[in-house]
PDB file of N, CA and C in Angstrom:
ATOM      1  N   MET A   1     238.063  -4.430 133.127  1.00  0.00           N
ATOM      2  CA  MET A   1     237.570  -5.285 134.199  1.00  0.00           C
ATOM      3  C   MET A   1     237.608  -6.737 133.742  1.00  0.00           C
ATOM      4  N   ALA A   2     237.924  -7.558 134.671  1.00  0.00           N
ATOM      5  CA  ALA A   2     237.939  -8.986 134.365  1.00  0.00           C
ATOM      6  C   ALA A   2     236.507  -9.511 134.328  1.00  0.00           C
ATOM      7  N   GLU A   3     236.326 -10.587 133.628  1.00  0.00           N
ATOM      8  CA  GLU A   3     234.976 -11.146 133.492  1.00  0.00           C
ATOM      9  C   GLU A   3     234.397 -11.604 134.817  1.00  0.00           C
ATOM     10  N   ASP A   4     235.237 -12.120 135.718  1.00  0.00           N
ATOM     11  CA  ASP A   4     234.705 -12.556 137.016  1.00  0.00           C
ATOM     12  C   ASP A   4     234.263 -11.358 137.860  1.00  0.00           C
ATOM     13  N   GLN A   5     234.925 -10.214 137.692  1.00  0.00           N
ATOM     14  CA  GLN A   5     234.493  -9.010 138.396  1.00  0.00           C
ATOM     15  C   GLN A   5     233.116  -8.548 137.882  1.00  0.00           C
ATOM     16  N   ILE A   6     232.939  -8.597 136.585  1.00  0.00           N
ATOM     17  CA  ILE A   6     231.655  -8.221 135.994  1.00  0.00           C
ATOM     18  C   ILE A   6     230.563  -9.178 136.473  1.00  0.00           C
ATOM     19  N   ALA A   7     230.881 -10.457 136.519  1.00  0.00           N
ATOM     20  CA  ALA A   7     229.902 -11.461 136.967  1.00  0.00           C
ATOM     21  C   ALA A   7     229.515 -11.200 138.426  1.00  0.00           C
ATOM     22  N   ARG A   8     230.495 -10.867 139.270  1.00  0.00           N
ATOM     23  CA  ARG A   8     230.193 -10.560 140.678  1.00  0.00           C
ATOM     24  C   ARG A   8     229.321  -9.311 140.799  1.00  0.00           C
ATOM     25  N   LEU A   9     229.627  -8.299 140.005  1.00  0.00           N
ATOM     26  CA  LEU A   9     228.802  -7.083 140.029  1.00  0.00           C
ATOM     27  C   LEU A   9     227.379  -7.366 139.566  1.00  0.00           C
ATOM     28  N   GLU A  10     227.251  -8.194 138.536  1.00  0.00           N
ATOM     29  CA  GLU A  10     225.923  -8.555 138.053  1.00  0.00           C
ATOM     30  C   GLU A  10     225.151  -9.317 139.127  1.00  0.00           C
ATOM     31  N   GLU A  11     225.832 -10.199 139.859  1.00  0.00           N
ATOM     32  CA  GLU A  11     225.191 -10.937 140.948  1.00  0.00           C
ATOM     33  C   GLU A  11     224.724  -9.979 142.034  1.00  0.00           C
ATOM     34  N   ARG A  12     225.574  -9.014 142.371  1.00  0.00           N
ATOM     35  CA  ARG A  12     225.206  -8.033 143.393  1.00  0.00           C
ATOM     36  C   ARG A  12     224.005  -7.199 142.963  1.00  0.00           C
ATOM     37  N   VAL A  13     223.981  -6.770 141.715  1.00  0.00           N
ATOM     38  CA  VAL A  13     222.869  -5.990 141.204  1.00  0.00           C
ATOM     39  C   VAL A  13     221.584  -6.828 141.242  1.00  0.00           C
ATOM     40  N   ALA A  14     221.680  -8.077 140.832  1.00  0.00           N
ATOM     41  CA  ALA A  14     220.509  -8.953 140.849  1.00  0.00           C
ATOM     42  C   ALA A  14     220.006  -9.133 142.281  1.00  0.00           C
ATOM     43  N   TRP A  15     220.926  -9.341 143.229  1.00  0.00           N
ATOM     44  CA  TRP A  15     220.531  -9.496 144.636  1.00  0.00           C
ATOM     45  C   TRP A  15     219.865  -8.217 145.154  1.00  0.00           C
ATOM     46  N   LEU A  16     220.442  -7.063 144.821  1.00  0.00           N
ATOM     47  CA  LEU A  16     219.875  -5.794 145.274  1.00  0.00           C
ATOM     48  C   LEU A  16     218.490  -5.555 144.678  1.00  0.00           C
ATOM     49  N   GLU A  17     218.309  -5.892 143.417  1.00  0.00           N
ATOM     50  CA  GLU A  17     216.996  -5.735 142.793  1.00  0.00           C
ATOM     51  C   GLU A  17     215.965  -6.623 143.483  1.00  0.00           C
ATOM     52  N   LYS A  18     216.351  -7.856 143.806  1.00  0.00           N
ATOM     53  CA  LYS A  18     215.452  -8.771 144.508  1.00  0.00           C
ATOM     54  C   LYS A  18     215.128  -8.212 145.888  1.00  0.00           C
ATOM     55  N   HIS A  19     216.132  -7.708 146.569  1.00  0.00           N
ATOM     56  CA  HIS A  19     215.952  -7.159 147.911  1.00  0.00           C
ATOM     57  C   HIS A  19     215.005  -5.956 147.889  1.00  0.00           C
ATOM     58  N   VAL A  20     215.165  -5.078 146.933  1.00  0.00           N
ATOM     59  CA  VAL A  20     214.299  -3.904 146.814  1.00  0.00           C
ATOM     60  C   VAL A  20     212.857  -4.334 146.535  1.00  0.00           C
ATOM     61  N   THR A  21     212.670  -5.312 145.694  1.00  0.00           N
ATOM     62  CA  THR A  21     211.329  -5.816 145.386  1.00  0.00           C
ATOM     63  C   THR A  21     210.664  -6.387 146.641  1.00  0.00           C
ATOM     64  N   GLU A  22     211.415  -7.144 147.419  1.00  0.00           N
ATOM     65  CA  GLU A  22     210.878  -7.712 148.651  1.00  0.00           C
ATOM     66  C   GLU A  22     210.520  -6.607 149.646  1.00  0.00           C
ATOM     67  N   GLN A  23     211.367  -5.593 149.743  1.00  0.00           N
ATOM     68  CA  GLN A  23     211.084  -4.479 150.650  1.00  0.00           C
ATOM     69  C   GLN A  23     209.828  -3.738 150.213  1.00  0.00           C
ATOM     70  N   ASP A  24     209.643  -3.559 148.925  1.00  0.00           N
ATOM     71  CA  ASP A  24     208.448  -2.893 148.424  1.00  0.00           C
ATOM     72  C   ASP A  24     207.190  -3.651 148.837  1.00  0.00           C
ATOM     73  N   LYS A  25     207.230  -4.977 148.721  1.00  0.00           N
ATOM     74  CA  LYS A  25     206.078  -5.794 149.108  1.00  0.00           C
ATOM     75  C   LYS A  25     205.782  -5.635 150.600  1.00  0.00           C
ATOM     76  N   VAL A  26     206.821  -5.660 151.415  1.00  0.00           N
ATOM     77  CA  VAL A  26     206.638  -5.514 152.862  1.00  0.00           C
ATOM     78  C   VAL A  26     206.071  -4.139 153.192  1.00  0.00           C
ATOM     79  N   MET A  27     206.578  -3.109 152.531  1.00  0.00           N
ATOM     80  CA  MET A  27     206.092  -1.757 152.792  1.00  0.00           C
ATOM     81  C   MET A  27     204.628  -1.602 152.394  1.00  0.00           C
ATOM     82  N   LEU A  28     204.221  -2.213 151.309  1.00  0.00           N
ATOM     83  CA  LEU A  28     202.812  -2.157 150.898  1.00  0.00           C
ATOM     84  C   LEU A  28     201.923  -2.853 151.930  1.00  0.00           C
ATOM     85  N   THR A  29     202.379  -3.988 152.427  1.00  0.00           N
ATOM     86  CA  THR A  29     201.630  -4.711 153.455  1.00  0.00           C
ATOM     87  C   THR A  29     201.517  -3.869 154.719  1.00  0.00           C
ATOM     88  N   GLN A  30     202.615  -3.258 155.131  1.00  0.00           N
ATOM     89  CA  GLN A  30     202.599  -2.426 156.329  1.00  0.00           C
ATOM     90  C   GLN A  30     201.705  -1.201 156.149  1.00  0.00           C
ATOM     91  N   THR A  31     201.681  -0.657 154.970  1.00  0.00           N
ATOM     92  CA  THR A  31     200.815   0.492 154.703  1.00  0.00           C
ATOM     93  C   THR A  31     199.354   0.100 154.872  1.00  0.00           C
ATOM     94  N   ASP A  32     198.973  -1.060 154.357  1.00  0.00           N
ATOM     95  CA  ASP A  32     197.598  -1.542 154.509  1.00  0.00           C
ATOM     96  C   ASP A  32     197.265  -1.784 155.983  1.00  0.00           C
ATOM     97  N   GLU A  33     198.195  -2.408 156.714  1.00  0.00           N
ATOM     98  CA  GLU A  33     197.964  -2.674 158.132  1.00  0.00           C
ATOM     99  C   GLU A  33     197.848  -1.372 158.921  1.00  0.00           C
ATOM    100  N   LEU A  34     198.669  -0.402 158.599  1.00  0.00           N
ATOM    101  CA  LEU A  34     198.617   0.885 159.287  1.00  0.00           C
ATOM    102  C   LEU A  34     197.285   1.577 159.041  1.00  0.00           C
ATOM    103  N   ALA A  35     196.776   1.491 157.841  1.00  0.00           N
ATOM    104  CA  ALA A  35     195.480   2.093 157.533  1.00  0.00           C
ATOM    105  C   ALA A  35     194.375   1.432 158.363  1.00  0.00           C
ATOM    106  N   LYS A  36     194.437   0.114 158.515  1.00  0.00           N
ATOM    107  CA  LYS A  36     193.440  -0.593 159.327  1.00  0.00           C
ATOM    108  C   LYS A  36     193.538  -0.183 160.795  1.00  0.00           C
ATOM    109  N   VAL A  37     194.752  -0.036 161.293  1.00  0.00           N
ATOM    110  CA  VAL A  37     194.947   0.374 162.689  1.00  0.00           C
ATOM    111  C   VAL A  37     194.412   1.788 162.897  1.00  0.00           C
ATOM    112  N   ARG A  38     194.683   2.673 161.955  1.00  0.00           N
ATOM    113  CA  ARG A  38     194.169   4.044 162.066  1.00  0.00           C
ATOM    114  C   ARG A  38     192.642   4.049 162.119  1.00  0.00           C
ATOM    115  N   GLU A  39     192.012   3.257 161.266  1.00  0.00           N
ATOM    116  CA  GLU A  39     190.550   3.182 161.267  1.00  0.00           C
ATOM    117  C   GLU A  39     190.036   2.669 162.611  1.00  0.00           C
ATOM    118  N   ALA A  40     190.699   1.671 163.163  1.00  0.00           N
ATOM    119  CA  ALA A  40     190.281   1.119 164.448  1.00  0.00           C
ATOM    120  C   ALA A  40     190.427   2.159 165.561  1.00  0.00           C
ATOM    121  N   VAL A  41     191.519   2.881 165.551  1.00  0.00           N
ATOM    122  CA  VAL A  41     191.740   3.904 166.570  1.00  0.00           C
ATOM    123  C   VAL A  41     190.689   5.001 166.459  1.00  0.00           C
ATOM    124  N   LEU A  42     190.387   5.422 165.248  1.00  0.00           N
ATOM    125  CA  LEU A  42     189.353   6.440 165.064  1.00  0.00           C
ATOM    126  C   LEU A  42     187.994   5.943 165.548  1.00  0.00           C
ATOM    127  N   ALA A  43     187.680   4.702 165.285  1.00  0.00           N
ATOM    128  CA  ALA A  43     186.410   4.139 165.742  1.00  0.00           C
ATOM    129  C   ALA A  43     186.357   4.103 167.268  1.00  0.00           C
ATOM    130  N   ILE A  44     187.452   3.725 167.889  1.00  0.00           N
ATOM    131  CA  ILE A  44     187.502   3.696 169.356  1.00  0.00           C
ATOM    132  C   ILE A  44     187.359   5.104 169.913  1.00  0.00           C
ATOM    133  N   ARG A  45     188.026   6.072 169.303  1.00  0.00           N
ATOM    134  CA  ARG A  45     187.897   7.468 169.760  1.00  0.00           C
ATOM    135  C   ARG A  45     186.458   7.947 169.658  1.00  0.00           C
ATOM    136  N   GLU A  46     185.807   7.622 168.554  1.00  0.00           N
ATOM    137  CA  GLU A  46     184.417   8.035 168.380  1.00  0.00           C
ATOM    138  C   GLU A  46     183.522   7.414 169.436  1.00  0.00           C
ATOM    139  N   ARG A  47     183.735   6.142 169.740  1.00  0.00           N
ATOM    140  CA  ARG A  47     182.937   5.492 170.781  1.00  0.00           C
ATOM    141  C   ARG A  47     183.187   6.120 172.143  1.00  0.00           C
ATOM    142  N   MET A  48     184.454   6.421 172.422  1.00  0.00           N
ATOM    143  CA  MET A  48     184.790   7.032 173.711  1.00  0.00           C
ATOM    144  C   MET A  48     184.191   8.430 173.818  1.00  0.00           C
ATOM    145  N   ASN A  49     184.214   9.193 172.740  1.00  0.00           N
ATOM    146  CA  ASN A  49     183.675  10.548 172.763  1.00  0.00           C
ATOM    147  C   ASN A  49     182.154  10.573 172.800  1.00  0.00           C
ATOM    148  N   SER A  50     181.515   9.526 172.323  1.00  0.00           N
ATOM    149  CA  SER A  50     180.060   9.501 172.279  1.00  0.00           C
ATOM    150  C   SER A  50     179.446   8.941 173.559  1.00  0.00           C
ATOM    151  N   ARG A  51     180.259   8.553 174.506  1.00  0.00           N
ATOM    152  CA  ARG A  51     179.722   8.043 175.782  1.00  0.00           C
ATOM    153  C   ARG A  51     178.955   9.145 176.492  1.00  0.00           C
ATOM    154  N   GLU A  52     177.838   8.780 177.096  1.00  0.00           N
ATOM    155  CA  GLU A  52     177.032   9.774 177.807  1.00  0.00           C
ATOM    156  C   GLU A  52     177.734  10.242 179.073  1.00  0.00           C
ATOM    157  N   THR A  53     178.315   9.306 179.788  1.00  0.00           N
ATOM    158  CA  THR A  53     179.023   9.685 181.009  1.00  0.00           C
ATOM    159  C   THR A  53     180.502   9.399 180.807  1.00  0.00           C
ATOM    160  N   PRO A  54     181.344  10.373 181.092  1.00  0.00           N
ATOM    161  CA  PRO A  54     182.770  10.111 180.940  1.00  0.00           C
ATOM    162  C   PRO A  54     183.261   9.105 181.975  1.00  0.00           C
ATOM    163  N   LEU A  55     184.320   8.430 181.640  1.00  0.00           N
ATOM    164  CA  LEU A  55     184.884   7.448 182.561  1.00  0.00           C
ATOM    165  C   LEU A  55     185.533   8.151 183.739  1.00  0.00           C
ATOM    166  N   ASP A  56     185.275   7.646 184.932  1.00  0.00           N
ATOM    167  CA  ASP A  56     185.896   8.179 186.137  1.00  0.00           C
ATOM    168  C   ASP A  56     187.075   7.281 186.486  1.00  0.00           C
ATOM    169  N   PRO A  57     188.281   7.825 186.512  1.00  0.00           N
ATOM    170  CA  PRO A  57     189.449   6.968 186.789  1.00  0.00           C
ATOM    171  C   PRO A  57     189.446   6.405 188.206  1.00  0.00           C
ATOM    172  N   ASN A  58     188.686   7.010 189.121  1.00  0.00           N
ATOM    173  CA  ASN A  58     188.654   6.526 190.510  1.00  0.00           C
ATOM    174  C   ASN A  58     187.524   5.537 190.754  1.00  0.00           C
ATOM    175  N   GLU A  59     186.661   5.340 189.766  1.00  0.00           N
ATOM    176  CA  GLU A  59     185.528   4.432 189.927  1.00  0.00           C
ATOM    177  C   GLU A  59     185.994   2.990 189.807  1.00  0.00           C
ATOM    178  N   ARG A  60     185.524   2.164 190.735  1.00  0.00           N
ATOM    179  CA  ARG A  60     185.885   0.746 190.693  1.00  0.00           C
ATOM    180  C   ARG A  60     184.951   0.009 189.738  1.00  0.00           C
ATOM    181  N   PRO A  61     185.459  -1.004 189.062  1.00  0.00           N
ATOM    182  CA  PRO A  61     184.602  -1.785 188.160  1.00  0.00           C
ATOM    183  C   PRO A  61     183.469  -2.452 188.939  1.00  0.00           C
ATOM    184  N   PRO A  62     182.365  -2.776 188.281  1.00  0.00           N
ATOM    185  CA  PRO A  62     181.206  -3.342 188.981  1.00  0.00           C
ATOM    186  C   PRO A  62     181.466  -4.697 189.640  1.00  0.00           C
ATOM    187  N   HIS A  63     182.473  -5.430 189.239  1.00  0.00           N
ATOM    188  CA  HIS A  63     182.692  -6.766 189.805  1.00  0.00           C
ATOM    189  C   HIS A  63     183.437  -6.702 191.139  1.00  0.00           C
ATOM    190  N   TYR A  64     183.793  -5.515 191.635  1.00  0.00           N
ATOM    191  CA  TYR A  64     184.452  -5.415 192.954  1.00  0.00           C
ATOM    192  C   TYR A  64     183.439  -5.374 194.048  1.00  0.00           C
TER     193      TYR A  64
END
């Protein structure tokens, strides 16, 4: 292999390593955000299930 070919391959490997590192950071951030969303959804479900009277889809809001 010529030296310029090796240099190009090394550049590609370096770029790919940087890209993988950046993707890992994004995935960790998304994992944290997903966990927060799951907690929020569970909290909303618990509040909805603990209501004394279920919501009536045909009931008009009080401001009508």
